[in-house]
Amino acid sequence: MTWYLVDFQAEPGGAYSLGEGTAPLPSPRVTVAGLPGGGVAVDTGAGHWEIPAASDLLGRVTGATGETLLTGGSWGESSVPADLEVVDEGPLRAMVRVRAREAVCGLDLAARLHFYAGLPCARMRITLTNNRRALTWAEAPDADNGECSWPEPSQPVCNGLLSPNRVEVEDITWVLSLANPPSEPDEVLYQDSSGTDRWNYYADLRATLGLQQVPRMQGGATFRGFRHTRGGQLTAEGDIADGTMAGGGVRLDVPWFRELFPKALRRRGGSLEFGIFPEEFSTVHRLRAGEQKTHDVWISLDPAVRPASPVYAAPDLDWLRATHALGYIGPRLEGRFQDYEEYLDAQLDDTQHTRDDCNNDLSECATSILDARRRWDYFGWTDFGDVPTDFENSRSPYNLKYDMNLGFLYQALRTGDADWWDWRMRRTSILRT
């Protein structure tokens, strides 16, 4: 046996080992049961969640004491039937997958709902996909293909934001109806841009080049950072919002809220809302042919409990090398291959920059991967997790070329450095998901 998948709730800083024997059942444990007319109910001991076989994703949700907290979800349009599958079912956790065609503004919906024993939090991973076919240059010779304008008859025309078969939406919001809404003024938390010094880089670029259309999604940003309003009045503003909203005994947390802008959380009209593609943004939201995006939101049935931070785990390097699963991976050794190790260190450390010249005759060059991300504003739902190239136009992304995400994984495993884990997670779990 080369690999063994182990699933358990871990604590940061802990060390764990495997042993033979019968595993004790947790108390409480997760149970899954069918609902009349389709759908399932998941009970974690800290909450009871009803999941209909429909695009709404959630029905009635009750807390640990049996009090109803949510009466259901909706997308602001008619619900459509969905395929529902219990993918994972065990005493520690369960995962339910819900899929529906053209369910939200013409986009396909796929959601993976994760539930955990004894925890009031559930993770909702919501994927929206434009499954329209990309046309080729031969089919659309005059179409917009953005900065990728090398006409080949068989090449897909899907790079430009105005390319054929795109889907444009003004707002996509998942609405959760509160059973006990608070009698307080409406509240909105909205992140419009990255909040960095270069937050308006693409808006300025558009003006400099005299472009009529936005060359990048970030070009639609109109102010730096976030704004928080209550009753229509500004109560706070800044660079990085915390991505949290609570009301009626329920709390929402959106990971990477600022990094995946534009994003909104609202409490209004007796509901909590997750603005996935929010109406507050200055332009329509565009998904090109074949494009999809996954958005995370955690729902807690206890406003005092927020989701735990990710725990990174790695096997012993000698054992990993012996499996050959990742080839002859080697550890970092003091005094060996020092130039190589320092080159890698410099990727995540601005202070180790030693060159002022740039590749490819660029007008400015980055001092690290982190600086490159800031300098060319690689934030927002279309770009966060990617890295600008250093061998062509600096706005050009690596996407998932050249096994960069595999390289991040290698460095994380051989060094144990959490920064490499962080970058690997951004690229494989966030970018183009």
Protein backbone atom coordinates (compact mmCIF):
# COMPACT_ATOMS: atom_id res chain seq x y z
CA MET A 1 0.00 0.00 0.00
CA THR A 2 1.49 3.34 -1.10
CA TRP A 3 -1.18 5.82 -0.05
CA TYR A 4 -3.80 5.81 2.69
CA LEU A 5 -6.40 8.59 3.01
CA VAL A 6 -6.93 9.63 6.62
CA ASP A 7 -9.73 12.02 7.58
CA PHE A 8 -9.96 13.60 11.05
CA GLN A 9 -10.28 16.93 12.82
CA ALA A 10 -6.80 18.17 13.69
CA GLU A 11 -5.44 20.89 15.93
CA PRO A 12 -2.55 23.20 14.93
CA GLY A 13 0.77 22.05 16.34
CA GLY A 14 -0.42 18.51 16.97
CA ALA A 15 1.44 15.33 16.03
CA TYR A 16 -0.63 12.33 14.99
CA SER A 17 0.11 8.67 14.25
CA LEU A 18 -1.81 5.66 12.97
CA GLY A 19 -2.45 2.56 15.01
CA GLU A 20 -4.30 -0.70 14.60
CA GLY A 21 -7.64 -1.30 16.25
CA THR A 22 -11.25 -0.16 16.14
CA ALA A 23 -11.70 3.57 15.92
CA PRO A 24 -13.96 5.07 18.61
CA LEU A 25 -17.09 6.77 17.34
CA PRO A 26 -17.21 10.52 17.95
CA SER A 27 -19.93 12.01 20.08
CA PRO A 28 -21.82 13.70 18.60
CA ARG A 29 -21.55 12.14 15.15
CA VAL A 30 -22.79 13.18 11.71
CA THR A 31 -25.93 11.46 10.43
CA VAL A 32 -27.56 11.76 7.00
CA ALA A 33 -31.21 10.89 6.28
CA GLY A 34 -33.52 11.24 3.30
CA LEU A 35 -36.33 13.79 3.16
CA PRO A 36 -39.84 13.13 1.83
CA GLY A 37 -40.04 14.17 -1.82
CA GLY A 38 -36.26 14.13 -2.28
CA GLY A 39 -33.36 15.87 -0.63
CA VAL A 40 -31.46 14.96 2.50
CA ALA A 41 -31.09 16.16 6.08
CA VAL A 42 -27.69 16.33 7.76
CA ASP A 43 -27.41 16.44 11.55
CA THR A 44 -24.05 17.31 13.11
CA GLY A 45 -25.13 17.44 16.74
CA ALA A 46 -24.66 21.21 16.60
CA GLY A 47 -27.17 21.85 13.82
CA HIS A 48 -29.72 20.24 11.53
CA TRP A 49 -29.49 21.15 7.84
CA GLU A 50 -32.15 20.33 5.23
CA ILE A 51 -30.89 20.20 1.62
CA PRO A 52 -33.56 20.04 -1.09
CA ALA A 53 -32.98 18.53 -4.52
CA ALA A 54 -33.14 22.03 -5.97
CA SER A 55 -30.89 24.92 -6.86
CA ASP A 56 -31.78 26.80 -3.64
CA LEU A 57 -29.15 24.60 -1.88
CA LEU A 58 -30.62 24.97 1.62
CA GLY A 59 -34.04 24.49 3.18
CA ARG A 60 -34.85 24.79 6.87
CA VAL A 61 -31.84 24.95 9.21
CA THR A 62 -32.08 24.59 12.98
CA GLY A 63 -29.53 25.10 15.72
CA ALA A 64 -28.39 22.76 18.48
CA THR A 65 -31.45 23.55 20.63
CA GLY A 66 -33.91 22.93 17.78
CA GLU A 67 -34.65 26.60 17.11
CA THR A 68 -35.17 27.38 13.43
CA LEU A 69 -32.53 29.87 12.26
CA LEU A 70 -32.86 29.78 8.45
CA THR A 71 -35.97 29.05 6.41
CA GLY A 72 -34.14 28.47 3.12
CA GLY A 73 -31.92 29.85 0.39
CA SER A 74 -32.64 31.41 -3.01
CA TRP A 75 -30.97 33.11 -5.97
CA GLY A 76 -33.61 35.76 -6.65
CA GLU A 77 -35.08 33.68 -9.47
CA SER A 78 -37.20 30.57 -9.78
CA SER A 79 -35.65 27.45 -8.29
CA VAL A 80 -34.87 24.58 -10.66
CA PRO A 81 -34.59 20.84 -9.93
CA ALA A 82 -31.10 19.61 -9.10
CA ASP A 83 -29.21 16.33 -8.95
CA LEU A 84 -28.24 15.59 -5.37
CA GLU A 85 -25.61 13.09 -4.25
CA VAL A 86 -24.22 12.22 -0.83
CA VAL A 87 -20.55 11.91 -1.80
CA ASP A 88 -19.04 11.36 1.65
CA GLU A 89 -20.89 10.03 4.67
CA GLY A 90 -19.12 9.17 7.89
CA PRO A 91 -19.25 9.83 11.63
CA LEU A 92 -16.86 12.79 11.41
CA ARG A 93 -18.16 14.59 8.35
CA ALA A 94 -20.45 14.44 5.34
CA MET A 95 -20.33 16.09 1.93
CA VAL A 96 -23.38 16.58 -0.27
CA ARG A 97 -23.07 17.64 -3.91
CA VAL A 98 -25.85 19.55 -5.67
CA ARG A 99 -25.80 20.17 -9.44
CA ALA A 100 -28.25 22.01 -11.68
CA ARG A 101 -27.99 23.11 -15.32
CA GLU A 102 -28.41 26.80 -16.19
CA ALA A 103 -29.74 27.42 -12.70
CA VAL A 104 -28.35 30.89 -11.93
CA CYS A 105 -28.53 33.61 -14.60
CA GLY A 106 -27.92 30.99 -17.29
CA LEU A 107 -24.88 29.55 -15.50
CA ASP A 108 -24.55 25.95 -14.38
CA LEU A 109 -24.51 25.46 -10.61
CA ALA A 110 -22.46 22.88 -8.72
CA ALA A 111 -22.23 23.09 -4.93
CA ARG A 112 -20.33 20.95 -2.45
CA LEU A 113 -21.76 21.29 1.06
CA HIS A 114 -19.48 20.12 3.89
CA PHE A 115 -20.69 19.31 7.42
CA TYR A 116 -18.61 18.40 10.51
CA ALA A 117 -19.38 16.48 13.69
CA GLY A 118 -20.07 18.68 16.71
CA LEU A 119 -19.40 21.92 14.83
CA PRO A 120 -22.01 24.64 14.16
CA CYS A 121 -20.13 25.62 10.97
CA ALA A 122 -20.77 24.27 7.46
CA ARG A 123 -18.71 25.02 4.39
CA MET A 124 -20.48 25.84 1.12
CA ARG A 125 -18.34 25.63 -2.04
CA ILE A 126 -20.42 27.13 -4.85
CA THR A 127 -19.24 26.82 -8.46
CA LEU A 128 -20.83 28.76 -11.31
CA THR A 129 -19.91 27.76 -14.86
CA ASN A 130 -20.50 29.19 -18.32
CA ASN A 131 -20.74 26.00 -20.36
CA ARG A 132 -21.27 27.73 -23.68
CA ARG A 133 -18.89 26.59 -26.41
CA ALA A 134 -15.94 28.81 -27.30
CA LEU A 135 -15.88 29.79 -30.97
CA THR A 136 -12.75 29.55 -33.08
CA TRP A 137 -11.08 32.27 -35.13
CA ALA A 138 -12.49 30.61 -38.26
CA GLU A 139 -16.02 30.99 -36.86
CA ALA A 140 -15.54 34.50 -35.47
CA PRO A 141 -12.68 36.24 -37.32
CA ASP A 142 -13.64 39.73 -36.08
CA ALA A 143 -14.25 38.81 -32.44
CA ASP A 144 -12.48 40.35 -29.46
CA ASN A 145 -9.73 38.12 -28.07
CA GLY A 146 -8.17 40.61 -25.68
CA GLU A 147 -4.38 40.76 -25.69
CA CYS A 148 -4.15 37.36 -27.42
CA SER A 149 -4.54 38.48 -31.03
CA TRP A 150 -2.70 35.89 -33.09
CA PRO A 151 -5.32 34.58 -35.50
CA GLU A 152 -5.15 30.85 -36.10
CA PRO A 153 -8.25 29.22 -37.60
CA SER A 154 -8.52 26.55 -34.90
CA GLN A 155 -7.63 28.78 -31.92
CA PRO A 156 -10.50 29.45 -29.48
CA VAL A 157 -11.59 33.06 -29.22
CA CYS A 158 -12.14 33.18 -25.47
CA ASN A 159 -9.46 35.47 -24.00
CA GLY A 160 -11.11 38.88 -24.32
CA LEU A 161 -13.78 39.95 -21.86
CA LEU A 162 -16.02 40.69 -24.87
CA SER A 163 -15.34 37.37 -26.61
CA PRO A 164 -18.27 35.41 -28.11
CA ASN A 165 -20.61 33.32 -25.97
CA ARG A 166 -19.74 35.16 -22.77
CA VAL A 167 -22.37 35.50 -20.04
CA GLU A 168 -22.91 38.96 -18.56
CA VAL A 169 -24.71 39.46 -15.24
CA GLU A 170 -25.38 42.55 -13.16
CA ASP A 171 -25.73 40.68 -9.87
CA ILE A 172 -25.57 37.14 -8.51
CA THR A 173 -26.42 36.90 -4.83
CA TRP A 174 -27.24 33.87 -2.69
CA VAL A 175 -29.94 34.91 -0.22
CA LEU A 176 -30.47 33.10 3.12
CA SER A 177 -33.82 33.92 4.73
CA LEU A 178 -33.55 34.45 8.50
CA ALA A 179 -36.23 32.96 10.73
CA ASN A 180 -35.56 35.62 13.38
CA PRO A 181 -34.26 38.74 11.62
CA PRO A 182 -32.99 41.51 13.89
CA SER A 183 -34.85 44.82 14.02
CA GLU A 184 -31.79 46.83 13.01
CA PRO A 185 -30.91 48.99 9.99
CA ASP A 186 -29.69 47.19 6.90
CA GLU A 187 -25.97 46.52 6.79
CA VAL A 188 -23.65 46.13 3.78
CA LEU A 189 -19.95 45.18 3.64
CA TYR A 190 -18.53 45.66 0.15
CA GLN A 191 -14.98 45.15 -1.16
CA ASP A 192 -14.51 47.01 -4.46
CA SER A 193 -10.77 46.58 -5.08
CA SER A 194 -7.54 45.07 -3.76
CA GLY A 195 -6.85 47.93 -1.36
CA THR A 196 -3.17 48.08 -2.38
CA ASP A 197 -1.28 51.13 -3.67
CA ARG A 198 -1.84 49.79 -7.21
CA TRP A 199 -5.56 49.13 -6.80
CA ASN A 200 -6.39 51.27 -9.86
CA TYR A 201 -3.55 50.03 -12.10
CA TYR A 202 -5.88 48.68 -14.81
CA ALA A 203 -8.26 51.62 -14.69
CA ASP A 204 -5.26 53.91 -15.25
CA LEU A 205 -3.97 51.60 -17.98
CA ARG A 206 -7.30 51.82 -19.76
CA ALA A 207 -7.13 55.61 -19.70
CA THR A 208 -3.47 55.66 -20.77
CA LEU A 209 -4.10 53.39 -23.76
CA GLY A 210 -7.34 55.15 -24.67
CA LEU A 211 -9.34 51.93 -24.48
CA GLN A 212 -13.13 52.03 -24.62
CA GLN A 213 -13.44 48.63 -22.98
CA VAL A 214 -12.03 47.36 -19.68
CA PRO A 215 -8.90 45.28 -20.42
CA ARG A 216 -9.16 43.37 -17.12
CA MET A 217 -11.89 42.83 -14.56
CA GLN A 218 -9.92 44.97 -12.07
CA GLY A 219 -10.39 47.97 -14.38
CA GLY A 220 -13.95 48.28 -13.08
CA ALA A 221 -12.80 49.18 -9.54
CA THR A 222 -13.84 52.70 -8.53
CA PHE A 223 -12.38 53.14 -5.03
CA ARG A 224 -9.65 51.71 -2.84
CA GLY A 225 -10.53 48.81 -0.53
CA PHE A 226 -13.89 48.37 1.19
CA ARG A 227 -16.82 50.31 2.60
CA HIS A 228 -19.19 49.31 5.37
CA THR A 229 -22.60 50.97 5.61
CA ARG A 230 -25.45 50.72 8.10
CA GLY A 231 -28.83 52.16 7.21
CA GLY A 232 -27.23 53.64 4.09
CA GLN A 233 -24.68 55.60 6.13
CA LEU A 234 -20.94 54.96 5.88
CA THR A 235 -19.64 53.51 9.15
CA ALA A 236 -16.19 52.24 8.15
CA GLU A 237 -13.81 52.08 5.21
CA GLY A 238 -10.32 50.76 4.65
CA ASP A 239 -8.10 48.50 2.58
CA ILE A 240 -9.01 44.97 3.71
CA ALA A 241 -12.44 43.88 4.93
CA ASP A 242 -12.77 40.94 7.31
CA GLY A 243 -15.43 39.20 5.19
CA THR A 244 -17.84 38.56 8.09
CA MET A 245 -21.54 39.35 8.57
CA ALA A 246 -23.96 38.15 11.27
CA GLY A 247 -27.64 38.48 12.10
CA GLY A 248 -30.55 36.46 13.45
CA GLY A 249 -28.26 33.98 15.19
CA VAL A 250 -26.36 33.14 11.98
CA ARG A 251 -22.91 34.17 10.86
CA LEU A 252 -21.35 34.19 7.35
CA ASP A 253 -17.60 34.12 6.74
CA VAL A 254 -16.12 34.41 3.24
CA PRO A 255 -12.46 33.32 2.97
CA TRP A 256 -10.28 35.57 0.77
CA PHE A 257 -13.08 38.17 0.75
CA ARG A 258 -10.72 41.01 -0.17
CA GLU A 259 -8.47 38.96 -2.46
CA LEU A 260 -11.42 37.72 -4.57
CA PHE A 261 -13.11 41.11 -4.97
CA PRO A 262 -15.64 42.34 -5.86
CA LYS A 263 -17.56 40.74 -3.01
CA ALA A 264 -20.43 41.79 -0.78
CA LEU A 265 -22.07 40.60 2.42
CA ARG A 266 -25.44 42.12 3.29
CA ARG A 267 -28.01 41.90 6.04
CA ARG A 268 -31.21 43.39 4.71
CA GLY A 269 -34.87 42.61 4.24
CA GLY A 270 -34.87 39.79 6.78
CA SER A 271 -32.03 37.94 5.05
CA LEU A 272 -28.30 37.41 5.03
CA GLU A 273 -26.83 37.73 1.53
CA PHE A 274 -23.60 36.63 -0.09
CA GLY A 275 -22.93 38.85 -3.11
CA ILE A 276 -20.85 36.53 -5.29
CA PHE A 277 -20.94 38.89 -8.28
CA PRO A 278 -22.32 41.94 -6.49
CA GLU A 279 -24.53 44.66 -7.90
CA GLU A 280 -22.34 47.31 -6.26
CA PHE A 281 -19.54 46.85 -8.85
CA SER A 282 -19.35 49.51 -11.56
CA THR A 283 -19.57 47.15 -14.54
CA VAL A 284 -21.34 43.93 -15.44
CA HIS A 285 -19.66 40.67 -14.44
CA ARG A 286 -18.47 38.58 -17.38
CA LEU A 287 -17.78 34.86 -17.54
CA ARG A 288 -16.20 33.86 -20.83
CA ALA A 289 -17.07 30.69 -22.72
CA GLY A 290 -15.95 27.70 -20.66
CA GLU A 291 -15.08 29.84 -17.62
CA GLN A 292 -16.09 28.92 -14.09
CA LYS A 293 -15.40 30.12 -10.58
CA THR A 294 -15.80 28.53 -7.16
CA HIS A 295 -16.77 30.70 -4.19
CA ASP A 296 -16.48 29.65 -0.54
CA VAL A 297 -18.78 30.74 2.25
CA TRP A 298 -18.97 29.32 5.78
CA ILE A 299 -22.28 29.40 7.64
CA SER A 300 -22.13 29.25 11.44
CA LEU A 301 -25.21 28.68 13.56
CA ASP A 302 -23.38 30.33 16.46
CA PRO A 303 -22.28 33.93 15.72
CA ALA A 304 -19.44 33.56 18.26
CA VAL A 305 -17.89 30.65 16.33
CA ARG A 306 -15.92 31.29 13.17
CA PRO A 307 -14.41 28.60 10.93
CA ALA A 308 -11.03 27.28 11.93
CA SER A 309 -7.94 28.29 9.97
CA PRO A 310 -6.50 25.63 7.64
CA VAL A 311 -4.09 23.12 9.14
CA TYR A 312 -1.20 22.05 6.91
CA ALA A 313 0.18 18.56 7.34
CA ALA A 314 3.12 16.85 5.65
CA PRO A 315 4.53 13.32 5.79
CA ASP A 316 8.04 12.58 6.94
CA LEU A 317 10.34 13.46 4.02
CA ASP A 318 12.33 10.20 4.17
CA TRP A 319 9.11 8.21 3.95
CA LEU A 320 7.84 10.40 1.11
CA ARG A 321 11.06 9.93 -0.84
CA ALA A 322 10.91 6.15 -0.32
CA THR A 323 7.44 6.02 -1.92
CA HIS A 324 8.78 7.70 -5.12
CA ALA A 325 5.34 9.29 -5.38
CA LEU A 326 6.98 12.65 -6.18
CA GLY A 327 10.22 11.29 -7.55
CA TYR A 328 13.54 11.59 -5.76
CA ILE A 329 12.57 14.64 -3.75
CA GLY A 330 15.34 15.81 -1.46
CA PRO A 331 15.45 17.89 1.74
CA ARG A 332 17.05 21.26 2.19
CA LEU A 333 20.62 20.76 3.45
CA GLU A 334 22.69 23.53 4.97
CA GLY A 335 25.66 24.40 2.75
CA ARG A 336 24.48 22.32 -0.21
CA PHE A 337 23.29 23.92 -3.46
CA GLN A 338 23.29 27.30 -1.73
CA ASP A 339 22.69 29.36 -4.89
CA TYR A 340 19.59 27.30 -5.66
CA GLU A 341 18.21 27.60 -2.13
CA GLU A 342 18.84 31.35 -1.97
CA TYR A 343 17.15 31.80 -5.34
CA LEU A 344 14.07 30.07 -3.95
CA ASP A 345 14.18 32.12 -0.73
CA ALA A 346 14.27 35.32 -2.77
CA GLN A 347 10.97 34.46 -4.46
CA LEU A 348 9.15 35.16 -1.18
CA ASP A 349 11.46 37.78 0.35
CA ASP A 350 11.80 41.31 -1.09
CA THR A 351 14.91 42.01 0.98
CA GLN A 352 16.97 39.47 -0.98
CA HIS A 353 16.49 41.27 -4.30
CA THR A 354 19.93 41.99 -5.78
CA ARG A 355 19.24 42.96 -9.43
CA ASP A 356 17.84 46.14 -10.86
CA ASP A 357 17.70 44.98 -14.47
CA CYS A 358 14.52 43.38 -15.81
CA ASN A 359 13.93 40.53 -18.21
CA ASN A 360 12.38 41.23 -21.60
CA ASP A 361 13.13 44.99 -21.42
CA LEU A 362 10.29 45.64 -19.01
CA SER A 363 9.87 49.20 -17.74
CA GLU A 364 9.70 47.92 -14.16
CA CYS A 365 10.54 44.61 -12.56
CA ALA A 366 9.35 42.89 -9.42
CA THR A 367 11.59 42.09 -6.46
CA SER A 368 9.69 38.91 -5.49
CA ILE A 369 6.53 36.98 -6.28
CA LEU A 370 4.77 38.98 -3.57
CA ASP A 371 5.93 42.27 -5.10
CA ALA A 372 4.84 41.13 -8.55
CA ARG A 373 1.36 40.39 -7.24
CA ARG A 374 1.13 43.85 -5.65
CA ARG A 375 2.75 45.69 -8.56
CA TRP A 376 0.40 44.34 -11.23
CA ASP A 377 -2.62 43.97 -8.95
CA TYR A 378 -3.04 40.22 -9.25
CA PHE A 379 -6.09 40.30 -7.03
CA GLY A 380 -9.76 39.86 -7.79
CA TRP A 381 -11.66 36.69 -8.63
CA THR A 382 -10.12 36.37 -12.10
CA ASP A 383 -6.45 36.62 -11.07
CA PHE A 384 -5.82 35.96 -7.37
CA GLY A 385 -3.59 32.92 -6.96
CA ASP A 386 -1.83 33.51 -10.27
CA VAL A 387 1.66 34.91 -10.78
CA PRO A 388 2.72 37.45 -13.44
CA THR A 389 5.30 36.12 -15.88
CA ASP A 390 8.83 37.57 -15.94
CA PHE A 391 9.58 36.63 -19.54
CA GLU A 392 6.85 38.52 -21.46
CA ASN A 393 4.47 41.40 -20.80
CA SER A 394 4.28 41.76 -17.02
CA ARG A 395 0.47 41.66 -17.15
CA SER A 396 0.68 38.20 -18.73
CA PRO A 397 -0.28 35.43 -16.26
CA TYR A 398 1.34 32.06 -15.84
CA ASN A 399 -2.12 30.51 -15.51
CA LEU A 400 -1.35 26.87 -14.66
CA LYS A 401 1.56 26.47 -17.08
CA TYR A 402 5.01 25.02 -16.43
CA ASP A 403 3.97 23.01 -13.35
CA MET A 404 4.34 26.03 -11.08
CA ASN A 405 1.76 24.69 -8.62
CA LEU A 406 3.64 21.37 -8.52
CA GLY A 407 6.81 23.35 -7.80
CA PHE A 408 5.12 25.10 -4.87
CA LEU A 409 4.06 21.69 -3.54
CA TYR A 410 7.63 20.35 -3.83
CA GLN A 411 9.05 23.28 -1.88
CA ALA A 412 6.35 23.01 0.79
CA LEU A 413 7.10 19.33 1.34
CA ARG A 414 10.89 19.62 1.34
CA THR A 415 11.08 22.72 3.57
CA GLY A 416 7.91 22.64 5.68
CA ASP A 417 7.56 26.39 5.04
CA ALA A 418 3.91 27.45 5.42
CA ASP A 419 4.35 30.20 2.78
CA TRP A 420 4.91 27.58 0.07
CA TRP A 421 1.83 25.70 1.28
CA ASP A 422 -0.12 28.95 1.10
CA TRP A 423 0.90 29.63 -2.49
CA ARG A 424 0.21 26.04 -3.52
CA MET A 425 -3.28 26.25 -2.01
CA ARG A 426 -4.02 29.54 -3.74
CA ARG A 427 -3.12 28.17 -7.14
CA THR A 428 -4.76 24.76 -6.90
CA SER A 429 -7.78 25.61 -4.74
CA ILE A 430 -8.59 29.16 -5.80
CA LEU A 431 -7.16 30.01 -9.20
CA ARG A 432 -9.45 28.97 -12.07
CA THR A 433 -11.62 26.80 -9.82
